[in-house]
mmCIF file of all heavy atoms, coordinates in Angstrom:
data_MODEL
# 
_entry.id   MODEL 
# 
loop_
_atom_site.group_PDB 
_atom_site.id 
_atom_site.type_symbol 
_atom_site.label_atom_id 
_atom_site.label_alt_id 
_atom_site.label_comp_id 
_atom_site.label_asym_id 
_atom_site.label_entity_id 
_atom_site.label_seq_id 
_atom_site.pdbx_PDB_ins_code 
_atom_site.Cartn_x 
_atom_site.Cartn_y 
_atom_site.Cartn_z 
_atom_site.occupancy 
_atom_site.B_iso_or_equiv 
_atom_site.pdbx_formal_charge 
_atom_site.auth_seq_id 
_atom_site.auth_comp_id 
_atom_site.auth_asym_id 
_atom_site.auth_atom_id 
_atom_site.pdbx_PDB_model_num 
ATOM 1   N N   . VAL A 1 1  ? 36.966 15.526 -48.064 1.00 0.00 ? 1  VAL A N   1 
ATOM 2   C CA  . VAL A 1 1  ? 37.966 14.791 -47.287 1.00 0.00 ? 1  VAL A CA  1 
ATOM 3   C C   . VAL A 1 1  ? 38.074 15.334 -45.868 1.00 0.00 ? 1  VAL A C   1 
ATOM 4   O O   . VAL A 1 1  ? 38.072 14.573 -44.870 1.00 0.00 ? 1  VAL A O   1 
ATOM 5   C CB  . VAL A 1 1  ? 39.335 14.834 -48.008 1.00 0.00 ? 1  VAL A CB  1 
ATOM 6   C CG1 . VAL A 1 1  ? 40.427 14.270 -47.100 1.00 0.00 ? 1  VAL A CG1 1 
ATOM 7   C CG2 . VAL A 1 1  ? 39.273 14.086 -49.314 1.00 0.00 ? 1  VAL A CG2 1 
ATOM 8   N N   . PHE A 1 2  ? 38.154 16.661 -45.740 1.00 0.00 ? 2  PHE A N   1 
ATOM 9   C CA  . PHE A 1 2  ? 38.294 17.248 -44.405 1.00 0.00 ? 2  PHE A CA  1 
ATOM 10  C C   . PHE A 1 2  ? 37.026 17.078 -43.579 1.00 0.00 ? 2  PHE A C   1 
ATOM 11  O O   . PHE A 1 2  ? 37.089 16.928 -42.348 1.00 0.00 ? 2  PHE A O   1 
ATOM 12  C CB  . PHE A 1 2  ? 38.655 18.734 -44.532 1.00 0.00 ? 2  PHE A CB  1 
ATOM 13  C CG  . PHE A 1 2  ? 40.105 18.994 -44.764 1.00 0.00 ? 2  PHE A CG  1 
ATOM 14  C CD1 . PHE A 1 2  ? 40.576 19.334 -46.029 1.00 0.00 ? 2  PHE A CD1 1 
ATOM 15  C CD2 . PHE A 1 2  ? 41.038 18.833 -43.742 1.00 0.00 ? 2  PHE A CD2 1 
ATOM 16  C CE1 . PHE A 1 2  ? 41.919 19.536 -46.255 1.00 0.00 ? 2  PHE A CE1 1 
ATOM 17  C CE2 . PHE A 1 2  ? 42.386 19.059 -43.957 1.00 0.00 ? 2  PHE A CE2 1 
ATOM 18  C CZ  . PHE A 1 2  ? 42.821 19.406 -45.215 1.00 0.00 ? 2  PHE A CZ  1 
ATOM 19  N N   . THR A 1 3  ? 35.878 17.089 -44.231 1.00 0.00 ? 3  THR A N   1 
ATOM 20  C CA  . THR A 1 3  ? 34.637 16.884 -43.487 1.00 0.00 ? 3  THR A CA  1 
ATOM 21  C C   . THR A 1 3  ? 34.588 15.488 -42.858 1.00 0.00 ? 3  THR A C   1 
ATOM 22  O O   . THR A 1 3  ? 34.290 15.331 -41.671 1.00 0.00 ? 3  THR A O   1 
ATOM 23  C CB  . THR A 1 3  ? 33.425 17.094 -44.417 1.00 0.00 ? 3  THR A CB  1 
ATOM 24  O OG1 . THR A 1 3  ? 33.444 18.420 -44.938 1.00 0.00 ? 3  THR A OG1 1 
ATOM 25  C CG2 . THR A 1 3  ? 32.133 16.851 -43.672 1.00 0.00 ? 3  THR A CG2 1 
ATOM 26  N N   . TYR A 1 4  ? 34.905 14.479 -43.665 1.00 0.00 ? 4  TYR A N   1 
ATOM 27  C CA  . TYR A 1 4  ? 34.914 13.125 -43.126 1.00 0.00 ? 4  TYR A CA  1 
ATOM 28  C C   . TYR A 1 4  ? 35.980 12.953 -42.053 1.00 0.00 ? 4  TYR A C   1 
ATOM 29  O O   . TYR A 1 4  ? 35.776 12.247 -41.065 1.00 0.00 ? 4  TYR A O   1 
ATOM 30  C CB  . TYR A 1 4  ? 35.138 12.120 -44.250 1.00 0.00 ? 4  TYR A CB  1 
ATOM 31  C CG  . TYR A 1 4  ? 33.877 11.735 -45.007 1.00 0.00 ? 4  TYR A CG  1 
ATOM 32  C CD1 . TYR A 1 4  ? 33.645 12.228 -46.289 1.00 0.00 ? 4  TYR A CD1 1 
ATOM 33  C CD2 . TYR A 1 4  ? 32.929 10.901 -44.434 1.00 0.00 ? 4  TYR A CD2 1 
ATOM 34  C CE1 . TYR A 1 4  ? 32.489 11.894 -46.963 1.00 0.00 ? 4  TYR A CE1 1 
ATOM 35  C CE2 . TYR A 1 4  ? 31.771 10.546 -45.106 1.00 0.00 ? 4  TYR A CE2 1 
ATOM 36  C CZ  . TYR A 1 4  ? 31.565 11.057 -46.376 1.00 0.00 ? 4  TYR A CZ  1 
ATOM 37  O OH  . TYR A 1 4  ? 30.398 10.717 -47.054 1.00 0.00 ? 4  TYR A OH  1 
ATOM 38  N N   . PHE A 1 5  ? 37.112 13.588 -42.253 1.00 0.00 ? 5  PHE A N   1 
ATOM 39  C CA  . PHE A 1 5  ? 38.210 13.485 -41.284 1.00 0.00 ? 5  PHE A CA  1 
ATOM 40  C C   . PHE A 1 5  ? 37.815 14.078 -39.939 1.00 0.00 ? 5  PHE A C   1 
ATOM 41  O O   . PHE A 1 5  ? 38.019 13.466 -38.880 1.00 0.00 ? 5  PHE A O   1 
ATOM 42  C CB  . PHE A 1 5  ? 39.461 14.166 -41.818 1.00 0.00 ? 5  PHE A CB  1 
ATOM 43  C CG  . PHE A 1 5  ? 40.649 14.115 -40.888 1.00 0.00 ? 5  PHE A CG  1 
ATOM 44  C CD1 . PHE A 1 5  ? 41.433 12.986 -40.828 1.00 0.00 ? 5  PHE A CD1 1 
ATOM 45  C CD2 . PHE A 1 5  ? 40.943 15.187 -40.062 1.00 0.00 ? 5  PHE A CD2 1 
ATOM 46  C CE1 . PHE A 1 5  ? 42.507 12.921 -39.970 1.00 0.00 ? 5  PHE A CE1 1 
ATOM 47  C CE2 . PHE A 1 5  ? 42.026 15.142 -39.209 1.00 0.00 ? 5  PHE A CE2 1 
ATOM 48  C CZ  . PHE A 1 5  ? 42.798 14.006 -39.142 1.00 0.00 ? 5  PHE A CZ  1 
ATOM 49  N N   . MET A 1 6  ? 37.244 15.270 -39.955 1.00 0.00 ? 6  MET A N   1 
ATOM 50  C CA  . MET A 1 6  ? 36.870 15.924 -38.708 1.00 0.00 ? 6  MET A CA  1 
ATOM 51  C C   . MET A 1 6  ? 35.742 15.157 -37.997 1.00 0.00 ? 6  MET A C   1 
ATOM 52  O O   . MET A 1 6  ? 35.732 15.077 -36.759 1.00 0.00 ? 6  MET A O   1 
ATOM 53  C CB  . MET A 1 6  ? 36.443 17.365 -38.978 1.00 0.00 ? 6  MET A CB  1 
ATOM 54  C CG  . MET A 1 6  ? 37.572 18.257 -39.521 1.00 0.00 ? 6  MET A CG  1 
ATOM 55  S SD  . MET A 1 6  ? 38.971 18.440 -38.399 1.00 0.00 ? 6  MET A SD  1 
ATOM 56  C CE  . MET A 1 6  ? 38.323 19.653 -37.257 1.00 0.00 ? 6  MET A CE  1 
ATOM 57  N N   . VAL A 1 7  ? 34.811 14.627 -38.750 1.00 0.00 ? 7  VAL A N   1 
ATOM 58  C CA  . VAL A 1 7  ? 33.746 13.846 -38.140 1.00 0.00 ? 7  VAL A CA  1 
ATOM 59  C C   . VAL A 1 7  ? 34.304 12.575 -37.504 1.00 0.00 ? 7  VAL A C   1 
ATOM 60  O O   . VAL A 1 7  ? 33.917 12.188 -36.377 1.00 0.00 ? 7  VAL A O   1 
ATOM 61  C CB  . VAL A 1 7  ? 32.651 13.522 -39.181 1.00 0.00 ? 7  VAL A CB  1 
ATOM 62  C CG1 . VAL A 1 7  ? 31.667 12.488 -38.641 1.00 0.00 ? 7  VAL A CG1 1 
ATOM 63  C CG2 . VAL A 1 7  ? 31.910 14.774 -39.604 1.00 0.00 ? 7  VAL A CG2 1 
ATOM 64  N N   . ALA A 1 8  ? 35.222 11.901 -38.203 1.00 0.00 ? 8  ALA A N   1 
ATOM 65  C CA  . ALA A 1 8  ? 35.808 10.671 -37.655 1.00 0.00 ? 8  ALA A CA  1 
ATOM 66  C C   . ALA A 1 8  ? 36.601 10.953 -36.383 1.00 0.00 ? 8  ALA A C   1 
ATOM 67  O O   . ALA A 1 8  ? 36.524 10.178 -35.413 1.00 0.00 ? 8  ALA A O   1 
ATOM 68  C CB  . ALA A 1 8  ? 36.701 10.019 -38.711 1.00 0.00 ? 8  ALA A CB  1 
ATOM 69  N N   . ILE A 1 9  ? 37.362 12.042 -36.357 1.00 0.00 ? 9  ILE A N   1 
ATOM 70  C CA  . ILE A 1 9  ? 38.153 12.371 -35.155 1.00 0.00 ? 9  ILE A CA  1 
ATOM 71  C C   . ILE A 1 9  ? 37.229 12.720 -33.992 1.00 0.00 ? 9  ILE A C   1 
ATOM 72  O O   . ILE A 1 9  ? 37.510 12.377 -32.829 1.00 0.00 ? 9  ILE A O   1 
ATOM 73  C CB  . ILE A 1 9  ? 39.104 13.530 -35.457 1.00 0.00 ? 9  ILE A CB  1 
ATOM 74  C CG1 . ILE A 1 9  ? 40.158 13.072 -36.481 1.00 0.00 ? 9  ILE A CG1 1 
ATOM 75  C CG2 . ILE A 1 9  ? 39.810 13.999 -34.200 1.00 0.00 ? 9  ILE A CG2 1 
ATOM 76  C CD1 . ILE A 1 9  ? 40.981 11.893 -36.022 1.00 0.00 ? 9  ILE A CD1 1 
ATOM 77  N N   . ALA A 1 10 ? 36.113 13.377 -34.287 1.00 0.00 ? 10 ALA A N   1 
ATOM 78  C CA  . ALA A 1 10 ? 35.150 13.685 -33.214 1.00 0.00 ? 10 ALA A CA  1 
ATOM 79  C C   . ALA A 1 10 ? 34.578 12.395 -32.608 1.00 0.00 ? 10 ALA A C   1 
ATOM 80  O O   . ALA A 1 10 ? 34.417 12.291 -31.387 1.00 0.00 ? 10 ALA A O   1 
ATOM 81  C CB  . ALA A 1 10 ? 34.031 14.555 -33.741 1.00 0.00 ? 10 ALA A CB  1 
ATOM 82  N N   . VAL A 1 11 ? 34.313 11.398 -33.450 1.00 0.00 ? 11 VAL A N   1 
ATOM 83  C CA  . VAL A 1 11 ? 33.821 10.110 -32.961 1.00 0.00 ? 11 VAL A CA  1 
ATOM 84  C C   . VAL A 1 11 ? 34.893 9.428  -32.102 1.00 0.00 ? 11 VAL A C   1 
ATOM 85  O O   . VAL A 1 11 ? 34.587 8.842  -31.038 1.00 0.00 ? 11 VAL A O   1 
ATOM 86  C CB  . VAL A 1 11 ? 33.412 9.209  -34.125 1.00 0.00 ? 11 VAL A CB  1 
ATOM 87  C CG1 . VAL A 1 11 ? 33.072 7.794  -33.653 1.00 0.00 ? 11 VAL A CG1 1 
ATOM 88  C CG2 . VAL A 1 11 ? 32.196 9.822  -34.875 1.00 0.00 ? 11 VAL A CG2 1 
ATOM 89  N N   . VAL A 1 12 ? 36.159 9.494  -32.520 1.00 0.00 ? 12 VAL A N   1 
ATOM 90  C CA  . VAL A 1 12 ? 37.242 8.918  -31.734 1.00 0.00 ? 12 VAL A CA  1 
ATOM 91  C C   . VAL A 1 12 ? 37.343 9.574  -30.365 1.00 0.00 ? 12 VAL A C   1 
ATOM 92  O O   . VAL A 1 12 ? 37.511 8.912  -29.318 1.00 0.00 ? 12 VAL A O   1 
ATOM 93  C CB  . VAL A 1 12 ? 38.577 9.028  -32.502 1.00 0.00 ? 12 VAL A CB  1 
ATOM 94  C CG1 . VAL A 1 12 ? 39.744 8.611  -31.604 1.00 0.00 ? 12 VAL A CG1 1 
ATOM 95  C CG2 . VAL A 1 12 ? 38.542 8.164  -33.739 1.00 0.00 ? 12 VAL A CG2 1 
ATOM 96  N N   . CYS A 1 13 ? 37.191 10.895 -30.325 1.00 0.00 ? 13 CYS A N   1 
ATOM 97  C CA  . CYS A 1 13 ? 37.264 11.622 -29.046 1.00 0.00 ? 13 CYS A CA  1 
ATOM 98  C C   . CYS A 1 13 ? 36.098 11.213 -28.125 1.00 0.00 ? 13 CYS A C   1 
ATOM 99  O O   . CYS A 1 13 ? 36.284 11.101 -26.905 1.00 0.00 ? 13 CYS A O   1 
ATOM 100 C CB  . CYS A 1 13 ? 37.251 13.123 -29.300 1.00 0.00 ? 13 CYS A CB  1 
ATOM 101 S SG  . CYS A 1 13 ? 38.774 13.767 -30.046 1.00 0.00 ? 13 CYS A SG  1 
ATOM 102 N N   . ILE A 1 14 ? 34.937 11.032 -28.711 1.00 0.00 ? 14 ILE A N   1 
ATOM 103 C CA  . ILE A 1 14 ? 33.798 10.579 -27.893 1.00 0.00 ? 14 ILE A CA  1 
ATOM 104 C C   . ILE A 1 14 ? 34.082 9.219  -27.291 1.00 0.00 ? 14 ILE A C   1 
ATOM 105 O O   . ILE A 1 14 ? 33.813 8.969  -26.091 1.00 0.00 ? 14 ILE A O   1 
ATOM 106 C CB  . ILE A 1 14 ? 32.519 10.550 -28.746 1.00 0.00 ? 14 ILE A CB  1 
ATOM 107 C CG1 . ILE A 1 14 ? 32.115 11.977 -29.164 1.00 0.00 ? 14 ILE A CG1 1 
ATOM 108 C CG2 . ILE A 1 14 ? 31.367 9.883  -27.996 1.00 0.00 ? 14 ILE A CG2 1 
ATOM 109 C CD1 . ILE A 1 14 ? 30.960 12.004 -30.142 1.00 0.00 ? 14 ILE A CD1 1 
ATOM 110 N N   . LEU A 1 15 ? 34.613 8.298  -28.071 1.00 0.00 ? 15 LEU A N   1 
ATOM 111 C CA  . LEU A 1 15 ? 34.910 6.955  -27.560 1.00 0.00 ? 15 LEU A CA  1 
ATOM 112 C C   . LEU A 1 15 ? 35.976 6.996  -26.475 1.00 0.00 ? 15 LEU A C   1 
ATOM 113 O O   . LEU A 1 15 ? 35.889 6.262  -25.483 1.00 0.00 ? 15 LEU A O   1 
ATOM 114 C CB  . LEU A 1 15 ? 35.372 6.071  -28.727 1.00 0.00 ? 15 LEU A CB  1 
ATOM 115 C CG  . LEU A 1 15 ? 34.315 5.743  -29.789 1.00 0.00 ? 15 LEU A CG  1 
ATOM 116 C CD1 . LEU A 1 15 ? 34.927 4.897  -30.902 1.00 0.00 ? 15 LEU A CD1 1 
ATOM 117 C CD2 . LEU A 1 15 ? 33.119 5.017  -29.178 1.00 0.00 ? 15 LEU A CD2 1 
ATOM 118 N N   . LEU A 1 16 ? 36.977 7.884  -26.638 1.00 0.00 ? 16 LEU A N   1 
ATOM 119 C CA  . LEU A 1 16 ? 38.001 8.005  -25.607 1.00 0.00 ? 16 LEU A CA  1 
ATOM 120 C C   . LEU A 1 16 ? 37.415 8.533  -24.313 1.00 0.00 ? 16 LEU A C   1 
ATOM 121 O O   . LEU A 1 16 ? 37.753 8.053  -23.211 1.00 0.00 ? 16 LEU A O   1 
ATOM 122 C CB  . LEU A 1 16 ? 39.121 8.920  -26.094 1.00 0.00 ? 16 LEU A CB  1 
ATOM 123 C CG  . LEU A 1 16 ? 40.058 8.341  -27.140 1.00 0.00 ? 16 LEU A CG  1 
ATOM 124 C CD1 . LEU A 1 16 ? 41.016 9.433  -27.648 1.00 0.00 ? 16 LEU A CD1 1 
ATOM 125 C CD2 . LEU A 1 16 ? 40.860 7.182  -26.579 1.00 0.00 ? 16 LEU A CD2 1 
ATOM 126 N N   . ASN A 1 17 ? 36.539 9.534  -24.399 1.00 0.00 ? 17 ASN A N   1 
ATOM 127 C CA  . ASN A 1 17 ? 35.913 10.069 -23.192 1.00 0.00 ? 17 ASN A CA  1 
ATOM 128 C C   . ASN A 1 17 ? 35.041 9.038  -22.494 1.00 0.00 ? 17 ASN A C   1 
ATOM 129 O O   . ASN A 1 17 ? 35.095 8.899  -21.271 1.00 0.00 ? 17 ASN A O   1 
ATOM 130 C CB  . ASN A 1 17 ? 35.074 11.302 -23.565 1.00 0.00 ? 17 ASN A CB  1 
ATOM 131 C CG  . ASN A 1 17 ? 35.928 12.518 -23.867 1.00 0.00 ? 17 ASN A CG  1 
ATOM 132 O OD1 . ASN A 1 17 ? 36.968 12.727 -23.256 1.00 0.00 ? 17 ASN A OD1 1 
ATOM 133 N ND2 . ASN A 1 17 ? 35.503 13.309 -24.827 1.00 0.00 ? 17 ASN A ND2 1 
ATOM 134 N N   . LEU A 1 18 ? 34.244 8.298  -23.279 1.00 0.00 ? 18 LEU A N   1 
ATOM 135 C CA  . LEU A 1 18 ? 33.384 7.289  -22.662 1.00 0.00 ? 18 LEU A CA  1 
ATOM 136 C C   . LEU A 1 18 ? 34.223 6.145  -22.054 1.00 0.00 ? 18 LEU A C   1 
ATOM 137 O O   . LEU A 1 18 ? 33.853 5.592  -21.022 1.00 0.00 ? 18 LEU A O   1 
ATOM 138 C CB  . LEU A 1 18 ? 32.416 6.743  -23.704 1.00 0.00 ? 18 LEU A CB  1 
ATOM 139 C CG  . LEU A 1 18 ? 31.402 7.745  -24.241 1.00 0.00 ? 18 LEU A CG  1 
ATOM 140 C CD1 . LEU A 1 18 ? 30.474 7.084  -25.273 1.00 0.00 ? 18 LEU A CD1 1 
ATOM 141 C CD2 . LEU A 1 18 ? 30.551 8.335  -23.101 1.00 0.00 ? 18 LEU A CD2 1 
ATOM 142 N N   . SER A 1 19 ? 35.333 5.796  -22.715 1.00 0.00 ? 19 SER A N   1 
ATOM 143 C CA  . SER A 1 19 ? 36.203 4.752  -22.155 1.00 0.00 ? 19 SER A CA  1 
ATOM 144 C C   . SER A 1 19 ? 36.800 5.202  -20.842 1.00 0.00 ? 19 SER A C   1 
ATOM 145 O O   . SER A 1 19 ? 36.910 4.400  -19.885 1.00 0.00 ? 19 SER A O   1 
ATOM 146 C CB  . SER A 1 19 ? 37.306 4.435  -23.161 1.00 0.00 ? 19 SER A CB  1 
ATOM 147 O OG  . SER A 1 19 ? 36.773 3.936  -24.361 1.00 0.00 ? 19 SER A OG  1 
ATOM 148 N N   . GLU A 1 20 ? 37.178 6.478  -20.751 1.00 0.00 ? 20 GLU A N   1 
ATOM 149 C CA  . GLU A 1 20 ? 37.748 6.958  -19.488 1.00 0.00 ? 20 GLU A CA  1 
ATOM 150 C C   . GLU A 1 20 ? 36.674 7.026  -18.380 1.00 0.00 ? 20 GLU A C   1 
ATOM 151 O O   . GLU A 1 20 ? 36.974 6.742  -17.224 1.00 0.00 ? 20 GLU A O   1 
ATOM 152 C CB  . GLU A 1 20 ? 38.365 8.345  -19.700 1.00 0.00 ? 20 GLU A CB  1 
ATOM 153 C CG  . GLU A 1 20 ? 39.149 8.817  -18.502 1.00 0.00 ? 20 GLU A CG  1 
ATOM 154 C CD  . GLU A 1 20 ? 39.955 10.077 -18.779 1.00 0.00 ? 20 GLU A CD  1 
ATOM 155 O OE1 . GLU A 1 20 ? 39.797 10.647 -19.886 1.00 0.00 ? 20 GLU A OE1 1 
ATOM 156 O OE2 . GLU A 1 20 ? 40.725 10.490 -17.917 1.00 0.00 ? 20 GLU A OE2 1 
ATOM 157 N N   . VAL A 1 21 ? 35.457 7.365  -18.756 1.00 0.00 ? 21 VAL A N   1 
ATOM 158 C CA  . VAL A 1 21 ? 34.365 7.365  -17.770 1.00 0.00 ? 21 VAL A CA  1 
ATOM 159 C C   . VAL A 1 21 ? 34.181 5.931  -17.230 1.00 0.00 ? 21 VAL A C   1 
ATOM 160 O O   . VAL A 1 21 ? 34.052 5.727  -16.013 1.00 0.00 ? 21 VAL A O   1 
ATOM 161 C CB  . VAL A 1 21 ? 33.074 7.870  -18.410 1.00 0.00 ? 21 VAL A CB  1 
ATOM 162 C CG1 . VAL A 1 21 ? 31.891 7.618  -17.494 1.00 0.00 ? 21 VAL A CG1 1 
ATOM 163 C CG2 . VAL A 1 21 ? 33.174 9.381  -18.680 1.00 0.00 ? 21 VAL A CG2 1 
ATOM 164 N N   . ALA A 1 22 ? 34.135 4.957  -18.121 1.00 0.00 ? 22 ALA A N   1 
ATOM 165 C CA  . ALA A 1 22 ? 33.984 3.579  -17.691 1.00 0.00 ? 22 ALA A CA  1 
ATOM 166 C C   . ALA A 1 22 ? 35.157 3.133  -16.823 1.00 0.00 ? 22 ALA A C   1 
ATOM 167 O O   . ALA A 1 22 ? 34.970 2.410  -15.834 1.00 0.00 ? 22 ALA A O   1 
ATOM 168 C CB  . ALA A 1 22 ? 33.854 2.662  -18.917 1.00 0.00 ? 22 ALA A CB  1 
ATOM 169 N N   . TYR A 1 23 ? 36.374 3.571  -17.188 1.00 0.00 ? 23 TYR A N   1 
ATOM 170 C CA  . TYR A 1 23 ? 37.565 3.202  -16.372 1.00 0.00 ? 23 TYR A CA  1 
ATOM 171 C C   . TYR A 1 23 ? 37.491 3.790  -14.985 1.00 0.00 ? 23 TYR A C   1 
ATOM 172 O O   . TYR A 1 23 ? 37.753 3.104  -13.972 1.00 0.00 ? 23 TYR A O   1 
ATOM 173 C CB  . TYR A 1 23 ? 38.820 3.684  -17.126 1.00 0.00 ? 23 TYR A CB  1 
ATOM 174 C CG  . TYR A 1 23 ? 40.064 3.632  -16.286 1.00 0.00 ? 23 TYR A CG  1 
ATOM 175 C CD1 . TYR A 1 23 ? 40.702 2.443  -16.030 1.00 0.00 ? 23 TYR A CD1 1 
ATOM 176 C CD2 . TYR A 1 23 ? 40.589 4.815  -15.724 1.00 0.00 ? 23 TYR A CD2 1 
ATOM 177 C CE1 . TYR A 1 23 ? 41.838 2.392  -15.259 1.00 0.00 ? 23 TYR A CE1 1 
ATOM 178 C CE2 . TYR A 1 23 ? 41.742 4.773  -14.962 1.00 0.00 ? 23 TYR A CE2 1 
ATOM 179 C CZ  . TYR A 1 23 ? 42.367 3.565  -14.714 1.00 0.00 ? 23 TYR A CZ  1 
ATOM 180 O OH  . TYR A 1 23 ? 43.491 3.526  -13.947 1.00 0.00 ? 23 TYR A OH  1 
ATOM 181 N N   . LEU A 1 24 ? 37.129 5.075  -14.868 1.00 0.00 ? 24 LEU A N   1 
ATOM 182 C CA  . LEU A 1 24 ? 37.056 5.729  -13.559 1.00 0.00 ? 24 LEU A CA  1 
ATOM 183 C C   . LEU A 1 24 ? 35.987 5.109  -12.685 1.00 0.00 ? 24 LEU A C   1 
ATOM 184 O O   . LEU A 1 24 ? 36.199 4.838  -11.501 1.00 0.00 ? 24 LEU A O   1 
ATOM 185 C CB  . LEU A 1 24 ? 36.806 7.221  -13.739 1.00 0.00 ? 24 LEU A CB  1 
ATOM 186 C CG  . LEU A 1 24 ? 37.960 8.052  -14.314 1.00 0.00 ? 24 LEU A CG  1 
ATOM 187 C CD1 . LEU A 1 24 ? 37.531 9.497  -14.513 1.00 0.00 ? 24 LEU A CD1 1 
ATOM 188 C CD2 . LEU A 1 24 ? 39.169 8.001  -13.384 1.00 0.00 ? 24 LEU A CD2 1 
ATOM 189 N N   . VAL A 1 25 ? 34.795 4.886  -13.263 1.00 0.00 ? 25 VAL A N   1 
ATOM 190 C CA  . VAL A 1 25 ? 33.713 4.303  -12.475 1.00 0.00 ? 25 VAL A CA  1 
ATOM 191 C C   . VAL A 1 25 ? 34.047 2.874  -12.056 1.00 0.00 ? 25 VAL A C   1 
ATOM 192 O O   . VAL A 1 25 ? 33.824 2.484  -10.909 1.00 0.00 ? 25 VAL A O   1 
ATOM 193 C CB  . VAL A 1 25 ? 32.404 4.342  -13.289 1.00 0.00 ? 25 VAL A CB  1 
ATOM 194 C CG1 . VAL A 1 25 ? 31.283 3.608  -12.564 1.00 0.00 ? 25 VAL A CG1 1 
ATOM 195 C CG2 . VAL A 1 25 ? 31.973 5.784  -13.557 1.00 0.00 ? 25 VAL A CG2 1 
ATOM 196 N N   . GLY A 1 26 ? 34.621 2.095  -12.981 1.00 0.00 ? 26 GLY A N   1 
ATOM 197 C CA  . GLY A 1 26 ? 35.002 0.730  -12.627 1.00 0.00 ? 26 GLY A CA  1 
ATOM 198 C C   . GLY A 1 26 ? 36.064 0.670  -11.571 1.00 0.00 ? 26 GLY A C   1 
ATOM 199 O O   . GLY A 1 26 ? 36.007 -0.153 -10.643 1.00 0.00 ? 26 GLY A O   1 
ATOM 200 N N   . LYS A 1 27 ? 37.043 1.569  -11.670 1.00 0.00 ? 27 LYS A N   1 
ATOM 201 C CA  . LYS A 1 27 ? 38.125 1.593  -10.668 1.00 0.00 ? 27 LYS A CA  1 
ATOM 202 C C   . LYS A 1 27 ? 37.583 2.008  -9.308  1.00 0.00 ? 27 LYS A C   1 
ATOM 203 O O   . LYS A 1 27 ? 37.964 1.430  -8.260  1.00 0.00 ? 27 LYS A O   1 
ATOM 204 C CB  . LYS A 1 27 ? 39.218 2.562  -11.111 1.00 0.00 ? 27 LYS A CB  1 
ATOM 205 C CG  . LYS A 1 27 ? 40.421 2.616  -10.196 1.00 0.00 ? 27 LYS A CG  1 
ATOM 206 C CD  . LYS A 1 27 ? 41.464 3.567  -10.711 1.00 0.00 ? 27 LYS A CD  1 
ATOM 207 C CE  . LYS A 1 27 ? 42.661 3.616  -9.789  1.00 0.00 ? 27 LYS A CE  1 
ATOM 208 N NZ  . LYS A 1 27 ? 43.702 4.564  -10.271 1.00 0.00 ? 27 LYS A NZ  1 
ATOM 209 N N   . ARG A 1 28 ? 36.655 2.971  -9.310  1.00 0.00 ? 28 ARG A N   1 
ATOM 210 C CA  . ARG A 1 28 ? 36.081 3.419  -8.041  1.00 0.00 ? 28 ARG A CA  1 
ATOM 211 C C   . ARG A 1 28 ? 35.243 2.311  -7.393  1.00 0.00 ? 28 ARG A C   1 
ATOM 212 O O   . ARG A 1 28 ? 35.322 2.069  -6.180  1.00 0.00 ? 28 ARG A O   1 
ATOM 213 C CB  . ARG A 1 28 ? 35.213 4.653  -8.270  1.00 0.00 ? 28 ARG A CB  1 
ATOM 214 C CG  . ARG A 1 28 ? 34.670 5.280  -7.006  1.00 0.00 ? 28 ARG A CG  1 
ATOM 215 C CD  . ARG A 1 28 ? 35.794 5.727  -6.094  1.00 0.00 ? 28 ARG A CD  1 
ATOM 216 N NE  . ARG A 1 28 ? 35.279 6.386  -4.922  1.00 0.00 ? 28 ARG A NE  1 
ATOM 217 C CZ  . ARG A 1 28 ? 35.993 6.602  -3.816  1.00 0.00 ? 28 ARG A CZ  1 
ATOM 218 N NH1 . ARG A 1 28 ? 37.266 6.206  -3.755  1.00 0.00 ? 28 ARG A NH1 1 
ATOM 219 N NH2 . ARG A 1 28 ? 35.450 7.220  -2.784  1.00 0.00 ? 28 ARG A NH2 1 
ATOM 220 N N   . CYS A 1 29 ? 34.463 1.600  -8.174  1.00 0.00 ? 29 CYS A N   1 
ATOM 221 C CA  . CYS A 1 29 ? 33.666 0.495  -7.650  1.00 0.00 ? 29 CYS A CA  1 
ATOM 222 C C   . CYS A 1 29 ? 34.563 -0.601 -7.107  1.00 0.00 ? 29 CYS A C   1 
ATOM 223 O O   . CYS A 1 29 ? 34.272 -1.226 -6.094  1.00 0.00 ? 29 CYS A O   1 
ATOM 224 C CB  . CYS A 1 29 ? 32.749 -0.064 -8.740  1.00 0.00 ? 29 CYS A CB  1 
ATOM 225 S SG  . CYS A 1 29 ? 31.442 1.080  -9.254  1.00 0.00 ? 29 CYS A SG  1 
ATOM 226 N N   . GLN A 1 30 ? 35.661 -0.870 -7.786  1.00 0.00 ? 30 GLN A N   1 
ATOM 227 C CA  . GLN A 1 30 ? 36.607 -1.886 -7.331  1.00 0.00 ? 30 GLN A CA  1 
ATOM 228 C C   . GLN A 1 30 ? 37.242 -1.474 -5.999  1.00 0.00 ? 30 GLN A C   1 
ATOM 229 O O   . GLN A 1 30 ? 37.428 -2.311 -5.105  1.00 0.00 ? 30 GLN A O   1 
ATOM 230 C CB  . GLN A 1 30 ? 37.704 -2.098 -8.391  1.00 0.00 ? 30 GLN A CB  1 
ATOM 231 C CG  . GLN A 1 30 ? 38.628 -3.275 -8.103  1.00 0.00 ? 30 GLN A CG  1 
ATOM 232 C CD  . GLN A 1 30 ? 39.644 -3.483 -9.202  1.00 0.00 ? 30 GLN A CD  1 
ATOM 233 O OE1 . GLN A 1 30 ? 39.836 -2.612 -10.054 1.00 0.00 ? 30 GLN A OE1 1 
ATOM 234 N NE2 . GLN A 1 30 ? 40.310 -4.594 -9.183  1.00 0.00 ? 30 GLN A NE2 1 
ATOM 235 N N   . GLU A 1 31 ? 37.563 -0.191 -5.835  1.00 0.00 ? 31 GLU A N   1 
ATOM 236 C CA  . GLU A 1 31 ? 38.143 0.261  -4.579  1.00 0.00 ? 31 GLU A CA  1 
ATOM 237 C C   . GLU A 1 31 ? 37.154 0.171  -3.427  1.00 0.00 ? 31 GLU A C   1 
ATOM 238 O O   . GLU A 1 31 ? 37.545 -0.088 -2.300  1.00 0.00 ? 31 GLU A O   1 
ATOM 239 C CB  . GLU A 1 31 ? 38.627 1.721  -4.734  1.00 0.00 ? 31 GLU A CB  1 
ATOM 240 C CG  . GLU A 1 31 ? 39.830 1.871  -5.652  1.00 0.00 ? 31 GLU A CG  1 
ATOM 241 C CD  . GLU A 1 31 ? 40.190 3.329  -5.866  1.00 0.00 ? 31 GLU A CD  1 
ATOM 242 O OE1 . GLU A 1 31 ? 39.418 4.210  -5.372  1.00 0.00 ? 31 GLU A OE1 1 
ATOM 243 O OE2 . GLU A 1 31 ? 41.223 3.611  -6.494  1.00 0.00 ? 31 GLU A OE2 1 
# 
């Protein structure tokens, strides 16, 4: 249970980081 939980949370953190990268780059291009 803990193995699957930690792996799933790591995937969520990766998606959050990539989403923020896309947000920053998109905002900068818009500016």
